[in-house]
All heavy atoms as atom14 arrays in JSON, in Angstrom:
{
  "sequence": "RDNAKNTVYLDVNSLIREDTGVYYCASVEGSGSGSYYSPLIWPY",
  "atom14_mask": [
    [1, 1, 1, 1, 1, 1, 1, 1, 1, 1, 1, 0, 0, 0],
    [1, 1, 1, 1, 1, 1, 1, 1, 0, 0, 0, 0, 0, 0],
    [1, 1, 1, 1, 1, 1, 1, 1, 0, 0, 0, 0, 0, 0],
    [1, 1, 1, 1, 1, 0, 0, 0, 0, 0, 0, 0, 0, 0],
    [1, 1, 1, 1, 1, 1, 1, 1, 1, 0, 0, 0, 0, 0],
    [1, 1, 1, 1, 1, 1, 1, 1, 0, 0, 0, 0, 0, 0],
    [1, 1, 1, 1, 1, 1, 1, 0, 0, 0, 0, 0, 0, 0],
    [1, 1, 1, 1, 1, 1, 1, 0, 0, 0, 0, 0, 0, 0],
    [1, 1, 1, 1, 1, 1, 1, 1, 1, 1, 1, 1, 0, 0],
    [1, 1, 1, 1, 1, 1, 1, 1, 0, 0, 0, 0, 0, 0],
    [1, 1, 1, 1, 1, 1, 1, 1, 0, 0, 0, 0, 0, 0],
    [1, 1, 1, 1, 1, 1, 1, 0, 0, 0, 0, 0, 0, 0],
    [1, 1, 1, 1, 1, 1, 1, 1, 0, 0, 0, 0, 0, 0],
    [1, 1, 1, 1, 1, 1, 0, 0, 0, 0, 0, 0, 0, 0],
    [1, 1, 1, 1, 1, 1, 1, 1, 0, 0, 0, 0, 0, 0],
    [1, 1, 1, 1, 1, 1, 1, 1, 0, 0, 0, 0, 0, 0],
    [1, 1, 1, 1, 1, 1, 1, 1, 1, 1, 1, 0, 0, 0],
    [1, 1, 1, 1, 1, 1, 1, 1, 1, 0, 0, 0, 0, 0],
    [1, 1, 1, 1, 1, 1, 1, 1, 0, 0, 0, 0, 0, 0],
    [1, 1, 1, 1, 1, 1, 1, 0, 0, 0, 0, 0, 0, 0],
    [1, 1, 1, 1, 0, 0, 0, 0, 0, 0, 0, 0, 0, 0],
    [1, 1, 1, 1, 1, 1, 1, 0, 0, 0, 0, 0, 0, 0],
    [1, 1, 1, 1, 1, 1, 1, 1, 1, 1, 1, 1, 0, 0],
    [1, 1, 1, 1, 1, 1, 1, 1, 1, 1, 1, 1, 0, 0],
    [1, 1, 1, 1, 1, 1, 0, 0, 0, 0, 0, 0, 0, 0],
    [1, 1, 1, 1, 1, 0, 0, 0, 0, 0, 0, 0, 0, 0],
    [1, 1, 1, 1, 1, 1, 0, 0, 0, 0, 0, 0, 0, 0],
    [1, 1, 1, 1, 1, 1, 1, 0, 0, 0, 0, 0, 0, 0],
    [1, 1, 1, 1, 1, 1, 1, 1, 1, 0, 0, 0, 0, 0],
    [1, 1, 1, 1, 0, 0, 0, 0, 0, 0, 0, 0, 0, 0],
    [1, 1, 1, 1, 1, 1, 0, 0, 0, 0, 0, 0, 0, 0],
    [1, 1, 1, 1, 0, 0, 0, 0, 0, 0, 0, 0, 0, 0],
    [1, 1, 1, 1, 1, 1, 0, 0, 0, 0, 0, 0, 0, 0],
    [1, 1, 1, 1, 0, 0, 0, 0, 0, 0, 0, 0, 0, 0],
    [1, 1, 1, 1, 1, 1, 0, 0, 0, 0, 0, 0, 0, 0],
    [1, 1, 1, 1, 1, 1, 1, 1, 1, 1, 1, 1, 0, 0],
    [1, 1, 1, 1, 1, 1, 1, 1, 1, 1, 1, 1, 0, 0],
    [1, 1, 1, 1, 1, 1, 0, 0, 0, 0, 0, 0, 0, 0],
    [1, 1, 1, 1, 1, 1, 1, 0, 0, 0, 0, 0, 0, 0],
    [1, 1, 1, 1, 1, 1, 1, 1, 0, 0, 0, 0, 0, 0],
    [1, 1, 1, 1, 1, 1, 1, 1, 0, 0, 0, 0, 0, 0],
    [1, 1, 1, 1, 1, 1, 1, 1, 1, 1, 1, 1, 1, 1],
    [1, 1, 1, 1, 1, 1, 1, 0, 0, 0, 0, 0, 0, 0],
    [1, 1, 1, 1, 1, 1, 1, 1, 1, 1, 1, 1, 0, 0]
  ],
  "atom14_positions": [
    [[-2.45, 14.62, -3.2], [-1.91, 13.26, -3.31], [-0.69, 13.08, -2.46], [0.04, 14.04, -2.14], [-1.57, 12.94, -4.82], [-0.38, 13.68, -5.38], [-0.27, 13.44, -6.89], [-0.08, 12.04, -7.2], [-0.45, 11.47, -8.35], [-1.03, 12.21, -9.28], [-0.21, 10.18, -8.58], [0.0, 0.0, 0.0], [0.0, 0.0, 0.0], [0.0, 0.0, 0.0]],
    [[-0.46, 11.83, -2.08], [0.72, 11.45, -1.32], [1.35, 10.3, -2.13], [0.9, 9.13, -1.99], [0.32, 11.02, 0.09], [1.53, 10.67, 0.96], [2.62, 10.4, 0.41], [1.38, 10.67, 2.19], [0.0, 0.0, 0.0], [0.0, 0.0, 0.0], [0.0, 0.0, 0.0], [0.0, 0.0, 0.0], [0.0, 0.0, 0.0], [0.0, 0.0, 0.0]],
    [[2.35, 10.62, -2.89], [2.95, 9.54, -3.73], [3.69, 8.48, -2.93], [3.83, 7.36, -3.39], [3.89, 10.17, -4.77], [3.15, 10.84, -5.9], [1.99, 10.52, -6.21], [3.78, 11.81, -6.56], [0.0, 0.0, 0.0], [0.0, 0.0, 0.0], [0.0, 0.0, 0.0], [0.0, 0.0, 0.0], [0.0, 0.0, 0.0], [0.0, 0.0, 0.0]],
    [[4.09, 8.83, -1.74], [4.75, 7.84, -0.89], [3.74, 6.75, -0.46], [4.15, 5.61, -0.23], [5.36, 8.48, 0.34], [0.0, 0.0, 0.0], [0.0, 0.0, 0.0], [0.0, 0.0, 0.0], [0.0, 0.0, 0.0], [0.0, 0.0, 0.0], [0.0, 0.0, 0.0], [0.0, 0.0, 0.0], [0.0, 0.0, 0.0], [0.0, 0.0, 0.0]],
    [[2.47, 7.11, -0.42], [1.42, 6.19, -0.06], [0.62, 5.72, -1.25], [-0.37, 5.01, -1.14], [0.47, 6.81, 0.96], [1.14, 7.14, 2.27], [0.13, 7.72, 3.27], [0.82, 8.01, 4.63], [-0.11, 8.59, 5.61], [0.0, 0.0, 0.0], [0.0, 0.0, 0.0], [0.0, 0.0, 0.0], [0.0, 0.0, 0.0], [0.0, 0.0, 0.0]],
    [[1.0, 6.18, -2.47], [0.26, 5.84, -3.68], [-1.22, 6.12, -3.52], [-2.08, 5.34, -3.91], [0.43, 4.35, -4.03], [1.77, 4.09, -4.72], [2.5, 4.99, -5.04], [2.1, 2.81, -4.87], [0.0, 0.0, 0.0], [0.0, 0.0, 0.0], [0.0, 0.0, 0.0], [0.0, 0.0, 0.0], [0.0, 0.0, 0.0], [0.0, 0.0, 0.0]],
    [[-1.52, 7.28, -3.0], [-2.93, 7.62, -2.69], [-3.24, 9.09, -3.13], [-2.41, 9.98, -2.94], [-3.2, 7.45, -1.22], [-2.95, 6.11, -0.84], [-4.69, 7.73, -0.88], [0.0, 0.0, 0.0], [0.0, 0.0, 0.0], [0.0, 0.0, 0.0], [0.0, 0.0, 0.0], [0.0, 0.0, 0.0], [0.0, 0.0, 0.0], [0.0, 0.0, 0.0]],
    [[-4.41, 9.23, -3.69], [-4.94, 10.53, -3.99], [-6.17, 10.77, -3.13], [-6.98, 9.82, -2.94], [-5.31, 10.67, -5.49], [-6.06, 11.95, -5.77], [-4.03, 10.62, -6.34], [0.0, 0.0, 0.0], [0.0, 0.0, 0.0], [0.0, 0.0, 0.0], [0.0, 0.0, 0.0], [0.0, 0.0, 0.0], [0.0, 0.0, 0.0], [0.0, 0.0, 0.0]],
    [[-6.33, 11.97, -2.64], [-7.46, 12.29, -1.76], [-8.37, 13.31, -2.36], [-7.94, 14.15, -3.18], [-6.92, 12.82, -0.42], [-5.94, 11.93, 0.27], [-4.57, 12.14, 0.2], [-6.37, 10.86, 1.04], [-3.67, 11.32, 0.81], [-5.49, 10.01, 1.67], [-4.15, 10.25, 1.58], [-3.27, 9.39, 2.2], [0.0, 0.0, 0.0], [0.0, 0.0, 0.0]],
    [[-9.61, 13.3, -1.91], [-10.58, 14.34, -2.24], [-11.23, 14.76, -0.96], [-11.98, 13.96, -0.36], [-11.62, 13.9, -3.28], [-12.6, 14.98, -3.72], [-11.85, 16.03, -4.57], [-13.75, 14.41, -4.48], [0.0, 0.0, 0.0], [0.0, 0.0, 0.0], [0.0, 0.0, 0.0], [0.0, 0.0, 0.0], [0.0, 0.0, 0.0], [0.0, 0.0, 0.0]],
    [[-10.96, 15.96, -0.5], [-11.59, 16.52, 0.69], [-12.78, 17.34, 0.26], [-12.62, 18.22, -0.59], [-10.61, 17.32, 1.54], [-9.51, 16.49, 2.11], [-9.85, 15.58, 2.92], [-8.32, 16.66, 1.78], [0.0, 0.0, 0.0], [0.0, 0.0, 0.0], [0.0, 0.0, 0.0], [0.0, 0.0, 0.0], [0.0, 0.0, 0.0], [0.0, 0.0, 0.0]],
    [[-13.89, 17.11, 0.9], [-15.12, 17.84, 0.61], [-15.64, 18.48, 1.88], [-15.82, 17.79, 2.91], [-16.19, 16.97, -0.02], [-17.35, 17.8, -0.51], [-15.63, 16.1, -1.1], [0.0, 0.0, 0.0], [0.0, 0.0, 0.0], [0.0, 0.0, 0.0], [0.0, 0.0, 0.0], [0.0, 0.0, 0.0], [0.0, 0.0, 0.0], [0.0, 0.0, 0.0]],
    [[-15.85, 19.75, 1.88], [-16.35, 20.51, 3.02], [-17.76, 20.94, 2.77], [-18.23, 21.08, 1.63], [-15.48, 21.71, 3.32], [-14.05, 21.31, 3.66], [-13.82, 20.38, 4.4], [-13.08, 21.99, 3.08], [0.0, 0.0, 0.0], [0.0, 0.0, 0.0], [0.0, 0.0, 0.0], [0.0, 0.0, 0.0], [0.0, 0.0, 0.0], [0.0, 0.0, 0.0]],
    [[-18.46, 21.23, 3.85], [-19.87, 21.77, 3.77], [-20.7, 20.98, 2.79], [-21.28, 21.54, 1.84], [-19.8, 23.27, 3.38], [-19.03, 23.99, 4.29], [0.0, 0.0, 0.0], [0.0, 0.0, 0.0], [0.0, 0.0, 0.0], [0.0, 0.0, 0.0], [0.0, 0.0, 0.0], [0.0, 0.0, 0.0], [0.0, 0.0, 0.0], [0.0, 0.0, 0.0]],
    [[-20.77, 19.69, 3.0], [-21.51, 18.84, 2.1], [-22.95, 19.28, 1.92], [-23.61, 19.69, 2.91], [-21.45, 17.39, 2.59], [-20.14, 16.69, 2.29], [-19.91, 15.59, 3.3], [-20.13, 16.17, 0.87], [0.0, 0.0, 0.0], [0.0, 0.0, 0.0], [0.0, 0.0, 0.0], [0.0, 0.0, 0.0], [0.0, 0.0, 0.0], [0.0, 0.0, 0.0]],
    [[-23.45, 19.19, 0.71], [-24.83, 19.5, 0.38], [-25.46, 18.29, -0.28], [-24.76, 17.35, -0.72], [-24.94, 20.76, -0.52], [-24.17, 20.54, -1.82], [-24.45, 21.98, 0.22], [-24.3, 21.69, -2.82], [0.0, 0.0, 0.0], [0.0, 0.0, 0.0], [0.0, 0.0, 0.0], [0.0, 0.0, 0.0], [0.0, 0.0, 0.0], [0.0, 0.0, 0.0]],
    [[-26.79, 18.26, -0.35], [-27.46, 17.07, -0.92], [-27.0, 16.82, -2.36], [-26.97, 15.67, -2.81], [-28.96, 17.28, -0.82], [-29.52, 17.2, 0.62], [-31.0, 17.21, 0.64], [-31.53, 15.96, 0.0], [-32.81, 15.71, -0.13], [-33.72, 16.6, 0.25], [-33.21, 14.58, -0.68], [0.0, 0.0, 0.0], [0.0, 0.0, 0.0], [0.0, 0.0, 0.0]],
    [[-26.71, 17.86, -3.08], [-26.3, 17.71, -4.48], [-24.95, 17.01, -4.61], [-24.58, 16.6, -5.72], [-26.24, 19.05, -5.16], [-27.56, 19.73, -5.47], [-28.22, 20.37, -4.22], [-27.54, 20.43, -3.14], [-29.36, 20.78, -4.29], [0.0, 0.0, 0.0], [0.0, 0.0, 0.0], [0.0, 0.0, 0.0], [0.0, 0.0, 0.0], [0.0, 0.0, 0.0]],
    [[-24.23, 16.81, -3.51], [-22.97, 16.07, -3.56], [-23.2, 14.58, -3.53], [-22.26, 13.8, -3.72], [-22.1, 16.47, -2.39], [-21.62, 17.91, -2.41], [-21.39, 18.4, -3.55], [-21.49, 18.51, -1.33], [0.0, 0.0, 0.0], [0.0, 0.0, 0.0], [0.0, 0.0, 0.0], [0.0, 0.0, 0.0], [0.0, 0.0, 0.0], [0.0, 0.0, 0.0]],
    [[-24.41, 14.17, -3.32], [-24.73, 12.74, -3.32], [-24.46, 12.09, -4.64], [-24.77, 12.64, -5.7], [-26.24, 12.51, -2.95], [-26.43, 12.95, -1.6], [-26.62, 11.03, -3.08], [0.0, 0.0, 0.0], [0.0, 0.0, 0.0], [0.0, 0.0, 0.0], [0.0, 0.0, 0.0], [0.0, 0.0, 0.0], [0.0, 0.0, 0.0], [0.0, 0.0, 0.0]],
    [[-23.8, 10.94, -4.59], [-23.49, 10.23, -5.82], [-22.4, 9.21, -5.59], [-21.91, 9.05, -4.48], [0.0, 0.0, 0.0], [0.0, 0.0, 0.0], [0.0, 0.0, 0.0], [0.0, 0.0, 0.0], [0.0, 0.0, 0.0], [0.0, 0.0, 0.0], [0.0, 0.0, 0.0], [0.0, 0.0, 0.0], [0.0, 0.0, 0.0], [0.0, 0.0, 0.0]],
    [[-22.01, 8.54, -6.65], [-20.89, 7.61, -6.58], [-19.64, 8.38, -7.07], [-19.7, 8.98, -8.15], [-21.12, 6.37, -7.46], [-19.93, 5.45, -7.37], [-22.39, 5.65, -6.98], [0.0, 0.0, 0.0], [0.0, 0.0, 0.0], [0.0, 0.0, 0.0], [0.0, 0.0, 0.0], [0.0, 0.0, 0.0], [0.0, 0.0, 0.0], [0.0, 0.0, 0.0]],
    [[-18.61, 8.34, -6.29], [-17.37, 9.04, -6.61], [-16.36, 8.02, -7.11], [-16.09, 7.01, -6.43], [-16.85, 9.78, -5.38], [-17.62, 11.03, -5.1], [-18.92, 10.96, -4.59], [-17.11, 12.28, -5.39], [-19.67, 12.11, -4.33], [-17.83, 13.45, -5.14], [-19.12, 13.35, -4.63], [-19.84, 14.5, -4.41], [0.0, 0.0, 0.0], [0.0, 0.0, 0.0]],
    [[-15.81, 8.33, -8.27], [-14.82, 7.47, -8.91], [-13.5, 8.2, -9.02], [-13.49, 9.39, -9.31], [-15.28, 7.06, -10.32], [-16.54, 6.26, -10.4], [-17.77, 6.88, -10.51], [-16.49, 4.87, -10.39], [-18.94, 6.13, -10.62], [-17.64, 4.1, -10.49], [-18.87, 4.78, -10.61], [-20.01, 4.02, -10.71], [0.0, 0.0, 0.0], [0.0, 0.0, 0.0]],
    [[-12.41, 7.5, -8.85], [-11.13, 8.06, -9.24], [-10.71, 7.4, -10.54], [-11.08, 6.26, -10.86], [-10.08, 7.91, -8.16], [-9.56, 6.26, -7.77], [0.0, 0.0, 0.0], [0.0, 0.0, 0.0], [0.0, 0.0, 0.0], [0.0, 0.0, 0.0], [0.0, 0.0, 0.0], [0.0, 0.0, 0.0], [0.0, 0.0, 0.0], [0.0, 0.0, 0.0]],
    [[-9.94, 8.16, -11.31], [-9.49, 7.72, -12.63], [-8.06, 8.23, -12.84], [-7.7, 9.29, -12.34], [-10.42, 8.27, -13.7], [0.0, 0.0, 0.0], [0.0, 0.0, 0.0], [0.0, 0.0, 0.0], [0.0, 0.0, 0.0], [0.0, 0.0, 0.0], [0.0, 0.0, 0.0], [0.0, 0.0, 0.0], [0.0, 0.0, 0.0], [0.0, 0.0, 0.0]],
    [[-7.31, 7.48, -13.62], [-5.91, 7.87, -13.83], [-5.52, 7.7, -15.27], [-6.08, 6.87, -15.99], [-4.98, 6.99, -12.97], [-5.02, 7.38, -11.61], [0.0, 0.0, 0.0], [0.0, 0.0, 0.0], [0.0, 0.0, 0.0], [0.0, 0.0, 0.0], [0.0, 0.0, 0.0], [0.0, 0.0, 0.0], [0.0, 0.0, 0.0], [0.0, 0.0, 0.0]],
    [[-4.51, 8.49, -15.63], [-3.9, 8.39, -17.0], [-2.43, 8.62, -16.8], [-2.02, 9.47, -16.02], [-4.54, 9.39, -17.97], [-4.35, 10.84, -17.5], [-3.97, 9.21, -19.37], [0.0, 0.0, 0.0], [0.0, 0.0, 0.0], [0.0, 0.0, 0.0], [0.0, 0.0, 0.0], [0.0, 0.0, 0.0], [0.0, 0.0, 0.0], [0.0, 0.0, 0.0]],
    [[-1.61, 7.86, -17.55], [-0.19, 8.04, -17.44], [0.21, 9.37, -18.05], [-0.3, 9.82, -19.09], [0.54, 6.89, -18.14], [2.04, 6.85, -17.82], [2.68, 5.56, -18.25], [2.03, 4.74, -18.94], [3.81, 5.3, -17.83], [0.0, 0.0, 0.0], [0.0, 0.0, 0.0], [0.0, 0.0, 0.0], [0.0, 0.0, 0.0], [0.0, 0.0, 0.0]],
    [[1.11, 10.03, -17.35], [1.51, 11.37, -17.8], [0.4, 12.37, -17.58], [-0.32, 12.34, -16.58], [0.0, 0.0, 0.0], [0.0, 0.0, 0.0], [0.0, 0.0, 0.0], [0.0, 0.0, 0.0], [0.0, 0.0, 0.0], [0.0, 0.0, 0.0], [0.0, 0.0, 0.0], [0.0, 0.0, 0.0], [0.0, 0.0, 0.0], [0.0, 0.0, 0.0]],
    [[0.24, 13.27, -18.54], [-0.8, 14.29, -18.41], [-2.02, 13.98, -19.24], [-2.98, 14.78, -19.23], [-0.23, 15.63, -18.82], [0.24, 15.59, -20.14], [0.0, 0.0, 0.0], [0.0, 0.0, 0.0], [0.0, 0.0, 0.0], [0.0, 0.0, 0.0], [0.0, 0.0, 0.0], [0.0, 0.0, 0.0], [0.0, 0.0, 0.0], [0.0, 0.0, 0.0]],
    [[-2.03, 12.86, -19.92], [-3.19, 12.54, -20.76], [-3.28, 13.46, -21.96], [-2.41, 14.3, -22.18], [0.0, 0.0, 0.0], [0.0, 0.0, 0.0], [0.0, 0.0, 0.0], [0.0, 0.0, 0.0], [0.0, 0.0, 0.0], [0.0, 0.0, 0.0], [0.0, 0.0, 0.0], [0.0, 0.0, 0.0], [0.0, 0.0, 0.0], [0.0, 0.0, 0.0]],
    [[-4.33, 13.27, -22.77], [-4.53, 14.04, -23.96], [-5.99, 14.37, -24.08], [-6.8, 13.46, -24.2], [-4.05, 13.25, -25.22], [-4.26, 13.98, -26.38], [0.0, 0.0, 0.0], [0.0, 0.0, 0.0], [0.0, 0.0, 0.0], [0.0, 0.0, 0.0], [0.0, 0.0, 0.0], [0.0, 0.0, 0.0], [0.0, 0.0, 0.0], [0.0, 0.0, 0.0]],
    [[-6.33, 15.66, -24.11], [-7.68, 16.07, -24.23], [-8.2, 16.71, -22.97], [-7.4, 17.0, -22.03], [0.0, 0.0, 0.0], [0.0, 0.0, 0.0], [0.0, 0.0, 0.0], [0.0, 0.0, 0.0], [0.0, 0.0, 0.0], [0.0, 0.0, 0.0], [0.0, 0.0, 0.0], [0.0, 0.0, 0.0], [0.0, 0.0, 0.0], [0.0, 0.0, 0.0]],
    [[-9.48, 16.97, -22.94], [-10.07, 17.66, -21.8], [-10.22, 16.72, -20.63], [-10.77, 15.62, -20.78], [-11.46, 18.19, -22.21], [-12.15, 18.67, -21.04], [0.0, 0.0, 0.0], [0.0, 0.0, 0.0], [0.0, 0.0, 0.0], [0.0, 0.0, 0.0], [0.0, 0.0, 0.0], [0.0, 0.0, 0.0], [0.0, 0.0, 0.0], [0.0, 0.0, 0.0]],
    [[-9.82, 17.18, -19.47], [-9.98, 16.37, -18.25], [-11.44, 16.14, -17.95], [-11.74, 15.22, -17.17], [-9.28, 17.03, -17.08], [-7.77, 16.91, -17.13], [-6.96, 17.61, -16.23], [-7.12, 16.11, -18.03], [-5.59, 17.53, -16.23], [-5.74, 15.99, -18.1], [-4.96, 16.7, -17.16], [-3.61, 16.58, -17.18], [0.0, 0.0, 0.0], [0.0, 0.0, 0.0]],
    [[-12.33, 16.96, -18.48], [-13.75, 16.8, -18.21], [-14.32, 15.54, -18.84], [-15.34, 15.02, -18.39], [-14.55, 17.99, -18.78], [-14.53, 19.22, -17.89], [-13.38, 20.03, -17.82], [-15.62, 19.6, -17.14], [-13.37, 21.16, -17.0], [-15.64, 20.73, -16.36], [-14.52, 21.52, -16.3], [-14.49, 22.63, -15.52], [0.0, 0.0, 0.0], [0.0, 0.0, 0.0]],
    [[-13.63, 15.03, -19.87], [-14.14, 13.86, -20.56], [-13.69, 12.59, -19.94], [-12.53, 12.33, -19.8], [-13.66, 13.89, -22.03], [-14.01, 12.68, -22.67], [0.0, 0.0, 0.0], [0.0, 0.0, 0.0], [0.0, 0.0, 0.0], [0.0, 0.0, 0.0], [0.0, 0.0, 0.0], [0.0, 0.0, 0.0], [0.0, 0.0, 0.0], [0.0, 0.0, 0.0]],
    [[-14.67, 11.69, -19.58], [-14.28, 10.4, -19.02], [-13.45, 9.56, -20.02], [-12.73, 8.63, -19.62], [-15.64, 9.72, -18.74], [-16.57, 10.88, -18.58], [-16.12, 11.93, -19.53], [0.0, 0.0, 0.0], [0.0, 0.0, 0.0], [0.0, 0.0, 0.0], [0.0, 0.0, 0.0], [0.0, 0.0, 0.0], [0.0, 0.0, 0.0], [0.0, 0.0, 0.0]],
    [[-13.54, 9.89, -21.31], [-12.94, 9.06, -22.31], [-11.39, 9.1, -22.29], [-10.74, 8.19, -22.77], [-13.41, 9.49, -23.72], [-14.92, 9.34, -23.99], [-15.28, 9.86, -25.35], [-15.36, 7.9, -23.8], [0.0, 0.0, 0.0], [0.0, 0.0, 0.0], [0.0, 0.0, 0.0], [0.0, 0.0, 0.0], [0.0, 0.0, 0.0], [0.0, 0.0, 0.0]],
    [[-10.81, 10.15, -21.7], [-9.35, 10.23, -21.73], [-8.72, 9.45, -20.6], [-7.5, 9.37, -20.53], [-8.85, 11.7, -21.74], [-8.99, 12.29, -20.34], [-9.6, 12.53, -22.77], [-8.06, 13.47, -20.14], [0.0, 0.0, 0.0], [0.0, 0.0, 0.0], [0.0, 0.0, 0.0], [0.0, 0.0, 0.0], [0.0, 0.0, 0.0], [0.0, 0.0, 0.0]],
    [[-9.53, 8.97, -19.68], [-9.02, 8.29, -18.51], [-9.16, 6.76, -18.66], [-10.25, 6.22, -18.59], [-9.75, 8.73, -17.25], [-9.78, 10.24, -17.08], [-10.7, 11.11, -17.52], [-8.77, 11.0, -16.38], [-10.37, 12.38, -17.2], [-9.14, 12.35, -16.5], [-7.59, 10.7, -15.73], [-8.43, 13.41, -15.95], [-6.85, 11.73, -15.16], [-7.27, 13.05, -15.29]],
    [[-8.06, 6.05, -18.85], [-8.17, 4.63, -19.13], [-8.35, 3.75, -17.88], [-8.81, 2.6, -18.0], [-6.83, 4.3, -19.83], [-5.91, 5.34, -19.33], [-6.71, 6.56, -19.11], [0.0, 0.0, 0.0], [0.0, 0.0, 0.0], [0.0, 0.0, 0.0], [0.0, 0.0, 0.0], [0.0, 0.0, 0.0], [0.0, 0.0, 0.0], [0.0, 0.0, 0.0]],
    [[-7.95, 4.25, -16.71], [-8.01, 3.42, -15.5], [-9.03, 4.0, -14.52], [-8.97, 5.22, -14.24], [-6.63, 3.33, -14.86], [-5.57, 2.88, -15.82], [-4.59, 3.73, -16.3], [-5.6, 1.53, -16.26], [-3.63, 3.29, -17.21], [-4.64, 1.09, -17.17], [-3.66, 1.98, -17.63], [-2.72, 1.53, -18.52], [0.0, 0.0, 0.0], [0.0, 0.0, 0.0]]
  ]
}
């Protein structure tokens, strides 16, 4: 992330077909509560 630019990046190397999909970013204020694996903890 670059907080000066208010931007988070995801770099992906050696792409494979299984990487195909829609990529979403999500945010929570602070550190959130619960497992990061769960979409439910991310409000934005």
